[in-house]
Amino acid sequence: MIFDFDTFIYGESVRIRWYHYLRGEVKFENAQGLIAQLGQDKINTRQYFEDLRRQ
């Protein structure tokens, strides 16, 4: 999971694997709405991987 990733990889090749479609496209009225949604997305993503780990 990239949230806890803290390694310098500039110039390196990476492979990305998509696990879950989080939500559809949303238009936000302002930056605060976007920031709030990103925070909720982070919570939902961590919960998804926690649930996946428990299976």
C-alpha atoms as a PDB file:
ATOM      1  CA  MET A   1       0.000   0.000   0.000  1.00  0.00           C
ATOM      2  CA  ILE A   2       1.466   3.326  -0.969  1.00  0.00           C
ATOM      3  CA  PHE A   3       0.210   5.300   2.072  1.00  0.00           C
ATOM      4  CA  ASP A   4       3.032   4.030   4.241  1.00  0.00           C
ATOM      5  CA  PHE A   5       5.682   3.980   1.500  1.00  0.00           C
ATOM      6  CA  ASP A   6       8.646   6.271   2.106  1.00  0.00           C
ATOM      7  CA  THR A   7      11.484   5.298  -0.237  1.00  0.00           C
ATOM      8  CA  PHE A   8      13.217   7.398  -2.882  1.00  0.00           C
ATOM      9  CA  ILE A   9      12.355   5.797  -6.230  1.00  0.00           C
ATOM     10  CA  TYR A  10      12.801   8.698  -8.627  1.00  0.00           C
ATOM     11  CA  GLY A  11      13.867   7.333 -12.010  1.00  0.00           C
ATOM     12  CA  GLU A  12      12.970   3.748 -11.091  1.00  0.00           C
ATOM     13  CA  SER A  13      10.410   1.580 -12.864  1.00  0.00           C
ATOM     14  CA  VAL A  14       7.360   0.648 -10.843  1.00  0.00           C
ATOM     15  CA  ARG A  15       4.549  -1.829 -11.327  1.00  0.00           C
ATOM     16  CA  ILE A  16       1.036  -0.886 -10.224  1.00  0.00           C
ATOM     17  CA  ARG A  17      -1.717  -3.359  -9.452  1.00  0.00           C
ATOM     18  CA  TRP A  18      -5.313  -2.174  -9.152  1.00  0.00           C
ATOM     19  CA  TYR A  19      -7.272  -3.957  -6.428  1.00  0.00           C
ATOM     20  CA  HIS A  20     -10.525  -2.100  -6.056  1.00  0.00           C
ATOM     21  CA  TYR A  21     -12.538   0.643  -7.758  1.00  0.00           C
ATOM     22  CA  LEU A  22     -13.091   3.151  -4.976  1.00  0.00           C
ATOM     23  CA  ARG A  23     -15.655   5.589  -6.393  1.00  0.00           C
ATOM     24  CA  GLY A  24     -16.837   7.307  -9.528  1.00  0.00           C
ATOM     25  CA  GLU A  25     -15.865  10.740 -10.770  1.00  0.00           C
ATOM     26  CA  VAL A  26     -17.033  13.586  -8.545  1.00  0.00           C
ATOM     27  CA  LYS A  27     -17.035  17.326  -9.199  1.00  0.00           C
ATOM     28  CA  PHE A  28     -16.225  19.338  -6.092  1.00  0.00           C
ATOM     29  CA  GLU A  29     -17.463  22.826  -5.337  1.00  0.00           C
ATOM     30  CA  ASN A  30     -14.174  23.849  -3.741  1.00  0.00           C
ATOM     31  CA  ALA A  31     -10.777  22.624  -2.562  1.00  0.00           C
ATOM     32  CA  GLN A  32     -12.096  21.879   0.930  1.00  0.00           C
ATOM     33  CA  GLY A  33     -14.605  19.400  -0.497  1.00  0.00           C
ATOM     34  CA  LEU A  34     -11.853  17.661  -2.451  1.00  0.00           C
ATOM     35  CA  ILE A  35      -9.576  17.510   0.588  1.00  0.00           C
ATOM     36  CA  ALA A  36     -12.386  16.049   2.703  1.00  0.00           C
ATOM     37  CA  GLN A  37     -13.142  13.411   0.067  1.00  0.00           C
ATOM     38  CA  LEU A  38      -9.466  12.444  -0.232  1.00  0.00           C
ATOM     39  CA  GLY A  39      -9.397  11.931   3.524  1.00  0.00           C
ATOM     40  CA  GLN A  40     -12.465   9.692   3.313  1.00  0.00           C
ATOM     41  CA  ASP A  41     -10.928   7.830   0.357  1.00  0.00           C
ATOM     42  CA  LYS A  42      -7.862   7.121   2.477  1.00  0.00           C
ATOM     43  CA  ILE A  43     -10.013   5.748   5.300  1.00  0.00           C
ATOM     44  CA  ASN A  44     -12.033   3.604   2.886  1.00  0.00           C
ATOM     45  CA  THR A  45      -8.896   2.281   1.186  1.00  0.00           C
ATOM     46  CA  ARG A  46      -7.239   1.312   4.452  1.00  0.00           C
ATOM     47  CA  GLN A  47     -10.484  -0.431   5.510  1.00  0.00           C
ATOM     48  CA  TYR A  48     -10.651  -2.302   2.197  1.00  0.00           C
ATOM     49  CA  PHE A  49      -7.135  -3.692   2.644  1.00  0.00           C
ATOM     50  CA  GLU A  50      -7.786  -4.525   6.296  1.00  0.00           C
ATOM     51  CA  ASP A  51     -10.891  -6.482   5.301  1.00  0.00           C
ATOM     52  CA  LEU A  52      -8.965  -8.192   2.491  1.00  0.00           C
ATOM     53  CA  ARG A  53      -6.207  -9.181   4.919  1.00  0.00           C
ATOM     54  CA  ARG A  54      -8.761 -10.791   7.282  1.00  0.00           C
ATOM     55  CA  GLN A  55     -10.218 -13.074   4.580  1.00  0.00           C
END
